C-alpha atoms as a PDB file:
ATOM      1  CA  MET A   1     145.350  23.238  39.838  1.00  0.00           C
ATOM      2  CA  SER A   2     149.366  23.183  41.055  1.00  0.00           C
ATOM      3  CA  ARG A   3     150.184  22.366  44.602  1.00  0.00           C
ATOM      4  CA  ARG A   4     152.010  25.925  45.335  1.00  0.00           C
ATOM      5  CA  ARG A   5     149.255  27.672  44.032  1.00  0.00           C
ATOM      6  CA  GLU A   6     146.538  25.206  45.677  1.00  0.00           C
ATOM      7  CA  PRO A   7     146.221  26.765  49.622  1.00  0.00           C
ATOM      8  CA  ALA A   8     146.264  30.102  48.075  1.00  0.00           C
ATOM      9  CA  VAL A   9     142.822  29.120  45.656  1.00  0.00           C
ATOM     10  CA  LEU A  10     141.664  27.113  49.018  1.00  0.00           C
ATOM     11  CA  LEU A  11     142.349  30.638  51.053  1.00  0.00           C
ATOM     12  CA  GLY A  12     140.436  32.667  48.630  1.00  0.00           C
ATOM     13  CA  ALA A  13     137.677  30.189  48.837  1.00  0.00           C
ATOM     14  CA  LEU A  14     137.116  30.093  52.216  1.00  0.00           C
ATOM     15  CA  ALA A  15     137.357  34.233  52.249  1.00  0.00           C
ATOM     16  CA  ILE A  16     134.142  33.977  50.001  1.00  0.00           C
ATOM     17  CA  CYS A  17     132.301  31.203  51.471  1.00  0.00           C
ATOM     18  CA  LEU A  18     133.505  33.337  55.418  1.00  0.00           C
ATOM     19  CA  ALA A  19     131.610  36.542  53.284  1.00  0.00           C
ATOM     20  CA  LEU A  20     128.438  34.268  52.510  1.00  0.00           C
ATOM     21  CA  SER A  21     128.193  32.794  55.598  1.00  0.00           C
ATOM     22  CA  VAL A  22     127.391  35.773  57.870  1.00  0.00           C
ATOM     23  CA  VAL A  23     124.586  36.969  55.508  1.00  0.00           C
ATOM     24  CA  GLY A  24     121.832  35.629  56.535  1.00  0.00           C
ATOM     25  CA  ALA A  25     123.443  34.300  60.212  1.00  0.00           C
ATOM     26  CA  HIS A  26     121.104  33.335  62.715  1.00  0.00           C
ATOM     27  CA  ASP A  27     122.353  34.948  65.500  1.00  0.00           C
ATOM     28  CA  ARG A  28     125.961  36.997  64.378  1.00  0.00           C
ATOM     29  CA  CYS A  29     127.349  36.782  67.888  1.00  0.00           C
ATOM     30  CA  THR A  30     127.092  33.274  67.578  1.00  0.00           C
ATOM     31  CA  TRP A  31     128.267  33.200  63.636  1.00  0.00           C
ATOM     32  CA  LEU A  32     131.741  35.130  65.820  1.00  0.00           C
ATOM     33  CA  LEU A  33     132.042  32.338  68.251  1.00  0.00           C
ATOM     34  CA  GLU A  34     131.655  29.527  65.998  1.00  0.00           C
ATOM     35  CA  VAL A  35     134.045  31.151  63.342  1.00  0.00           C
ATOM     36  CA  ALA A  36     136.910  32.482  65.956  1.00  0.00           C
ATOM     37  CA  PRO A  37     139.420  29.195  65.387  1.00  0.00           C
ATOM     38  CA  ILE A  38     139.441  30.159  61.663  1.00  0.00           C
ATOM     39  CA  PHE A  39     140.524  33.856  62.474  1.00  0.00           C
ATOM     40  CA  ILE A  40     142.535  32.314  64.406  1.00  0.00           C
ATOM     41  CA  GLY A  41     144.337  29.684  62.557  1.00  0.00           C
ATOM     42  CA  MET A  42     144.338  30.391  58.835  1.00  0.00           C
ATOM     43  CA  PRO A  43     146.836  33.663  59.409  1.00  0.00           C
ATOM     44  CA  VAL A  44     149.015  31.210  61.551  1.00  0.00           C
ATOM     45  CA  LEU A  45     149.106  28.832  58.337  1.00  0.00           C
ATOM     46  CA  VAL A  46     149.639  31.490  55.982  1.00  0.00           C
ATOM     47  CA  ALA A  47     152.676  33.072  57.800  1.00  0.00           C
ATOM     48  CA  THR A  48     153.956  29.458  58.488  1.00  0.00           C
ATOM     49  CA  TYR A  49     153.778  28.729  55.339  1.00  0.00           C
ATOM     50  CA  ARG A  50     156.862  28.874  53.522  1.00  0.00           C
ATOM     51  CA  ARG A  51     159.150  27.303  56.264  1.00  0.00           C
ATOM     52  CA  PHE A  52     156.274  24.999  58.009  1.00  0.00           C
ATOM     53  CA  PRO A  53     154.526  24.002  54.772  1.00  0.00           C
ATOM     54  CA  LEU A  54     151.712  20.982  55.207  1.00  0.00           C
ATOM     55  CA  THR A  55     150.882  18.654  52.927  1.00  0.00           C
ATOM     56  CA  PRO A  56     147.764  19.424  50.563  1.00  0.00           C
ATOM     57  CA  LEU A  57     145.611  16.972  52.511  1.00  0.00           C
ATOM     58  CA  ALA A  58     146.347  18.982  55.482  1.00  0.00           C
ATOM     59  CA  TYR A  59     144.919  22.152  53.755  1.00  0.00           C
ATOM     60  CA  ARG A  60     142.083  20.602  51.705  1.00  0.00           C
ATOM     61  CA  LEU A  61     141.108  18.964  55.583  1.00  0.00           C
ATOM     62  CA  ASN A  62     141.225  22.459  57.014  1.00  0.00           C
ATOM     63  CA  TYR A  63     139.557  24.003  54.932  1.00  0.00           C
ATOM     64  CA  VAL A  64     137.059  21.801  55.203  1.00  0.00           C
ATOM     65  CA  HIS A  65     136.504  21.923  58.740  1.00  0.00           C
ATOM     66  CA  ALA A  66     136.369  25.582  57.852  1.00  0.00           C
ATOM     67  CA  LEU A  67     133.452  25.051  56.459  1.00  0.00           C
ATOM     68  CA  ILE A  68     131.895  23.050  59.029  1.00  0.00           C
ATOM     69  CA  LEU A  69     132.755  26.010  61.576  1.00  0.00           C
ATOM     70  CA  MET A  70     131.264  27.893  59.077  1.00  0.00           C
ATOM     71  CA  GLY A  71     127.972  26.256  58.819  1.00  0.00           C
ATOM     72  CA  GLY A  72     127.394  25.491  62.680  1.00  0.00           C
ATOM     73  CA  GLY A  73     127.941  29.812  62.886  1.00  0.00           C
ATOM     74  CA  ARG A  74     125.425  30.310  60.132  1.00  0.00           C
ATOM     75  CA  HIS A  75     122.861  28.423  61.405  1.00  0.00           C
ATOM     76  CA  THR A  76     123.618  27.772  65.182  1.00  0.00           C
ATOM     77  CA  PRO A  77     123.593  23.876  66.557  1.00  0.00           C
ATOM     78  CA  LEU A  78     119.637  24.182  66.923  1.00  0.00           C
ATOM     79  CA  HIS A  79     118.294  26.057  63.520  1.00  0.00           C
ATOM     80  CA  VAL A  80     121.506  23.520  60.960  1.00  0.00           C
ATOM     81  CA  PRO A  81     118.927  22.296  58.328  1.00  0.00           C
ATOM     82  CA  PRO A  82     119.147  18.485  59.021  1.00  0.00           C
ATOM     83  CA  GLY A  83     118.427  19.222  62.530  1.00  0.00           C
ATOM     84  CA  TYR A  84     114.714  20.377  61.497  1.00  0.00           C
ATOM     85  CA  TRP A  85     113.259  17.032  60.914  1.00  0.00           C
ATOM     86  CA  MET A  86     115.340  14.812  63.302  1.00  0.00           C
END
Protein backbone atom coordinates (compact mmCIF):
# COMPACT_ATOMS: atom_id res chain seq x y z
CA MET A 1 0.00 0.00 0.00
CA SER A 2 1.29 3.41 -0.91
CA ARG A 3 2.18 5.75 1.95
CA ARG A 4 0.03 8.46 0.38
CA ARG A 5 -3.01 6.20 0.22
CA GLU A 6 -2.65 4.58 3.63
CA PRO A 7 -4.39 7.36 5.63
CA ALA A 8 -7.34 7.29 3.20
CA VAL A 9 -7.61 3.49 3.47
CA LEU A 10 -7.43 3.67 7.27
CA LEU A 11 -10.10 6.37 7.30
CA GLY A 12 -12.38 4.26 5.11
CA ALA A 13 -11.86 1.19 7.30
CA LEU A 14 -12.51 3.35 10.35
CA ALA A 15 -15.81 4.58 8.91
CA ILE A 16 -16.93 1.00 8.26
CA CYS A 17 -15.92 -0.13 11.75
CA LEU A 18 -17.68 2.89 13.26
CA ALA A 19 -20.89 2.00 11.44
CA LEU A 20 -20.61 -1.62 12.60
CA SER A 21 -19.92 -0.61 16.19
CA VAL A 22 -23.17 1.30 16.54
CA VAL A 23 -25.18 -1.75 15.41
CA GLY A 24 -25.90 -3.80 18.49
CA ALA A 25 -24.39 -1.29 20.89
CA HIS A 26 -25.48 -1.97 24.45
CA ASP A 27 -26.39 1.65 25.11
CA ARG A 28 -26.46 4.31 22.36
CA CYS A 29 -25.76 7.18 24.76
CA THR A 30 -22.68 5.43 26.14
CA TRP A 31 -21.59 4.60 22.61
CA LEU A 32 -21.81 8.25 21.61
CA LEU A 33 -19.83 9.37 24.65
CA GLU A 34 -17.15 6.72 24.06
CA VAL A 35 -16.66 7.49 20.37
CA ALA A 36 -16.93 11.29 20.66
CA PRO A 37 -13.13 11.69 20.53
CA ILE A 38 -13.21 9.98 17.12
CA PHE A 39 -15.73 12.53 15.85
CA ILE A 40 -13.45 15.31 17.12
CA GLY A 41 -10.01 13.93 16.28
CA MET A 42 -10.49 12.43 12.85
CA PRO A 43 -11.82 15.60 11.19
CA VAL A 44 -8.85 17.48 12.65
CA LEU A 45 -6.45 14.92 11.18
CA VAL A 46 -8.18 15.12 7.80
CA ALA A 47 -8.18 18.94 7.82
CA THR A 48 -4.49 19.17 8.72
CA TYR A 49 -3.26 16.29 6.52
CA ARG A 50 -1.64 18.42 3.81
CA ARG A 51 -0.09 21.01 6.08
CA PHE A 52 0.95 18.78 9.01
CA PRO A 53 1.19 15.17 7.81
CA LEU A 54 1.92 12.62 10.51
CA THR A 55 4.08 9.54 10.16
CA PRO A 56 2.46 6.29 9.00
CA LEU A 57 3.01 4.88 12.49
CA ALA A 58 1.08 7.76 14.05
CA TYR A 59 -1.86 7.19 11.68
CA ARG A 60 -1.85 3.46 12.49
CA LEU A 61 -1.75 4.11 16.23
CA ASN A 62 -4.63 6.58 15.93
CA TYR A 63 -6.56 3.90 14.04
CA VAL A 64 -5.92 1.30 16.74
CA HIS A 65 -6.91 3.76 19.45
CA ALA A 66 -10.15 4.54 17.60
CA LEU A 67 -10.88 0.79 17.39
CA ILE A 68 -10.39 0.49 21.14
CA LEU A 69 -12.78 3.39 21.72
CA MET A 70 -15.37 1.78 19.45
CA GLY A 71 -15.08 -1.52 21.30
CA GLY A 72 -15.58 0.26 24.61
CA GLY A 73 -18.55 2.14 23.23
CA ARG A 74 -20.20 -0.95 21.85
CA HIS A 75 -19.90 -3.13 24.91
CA THR A 76 -19.59 -0.59 27.76
CA PRO A 77 -16.88 -1.32 30.35
CA LEU A 78 -19.08 -3.69 32.33
CA HIS A 79 -20.06 -5.83 29.34
CA VAL A 80 -16.74 -6.24 27.52
CA PRO A 81 -16.53 -9.91 26.46
CA PRO A 82 -13.33 -10.75 28.45
CA GLY A 83 -14.99 -9.11 31.47
CA TYR A 84 -17.63 -11.84 31.58
CA TRP A 85 -15.18 -14.43 32.84
CA MET A 86 -12.91 -12.18 34.93
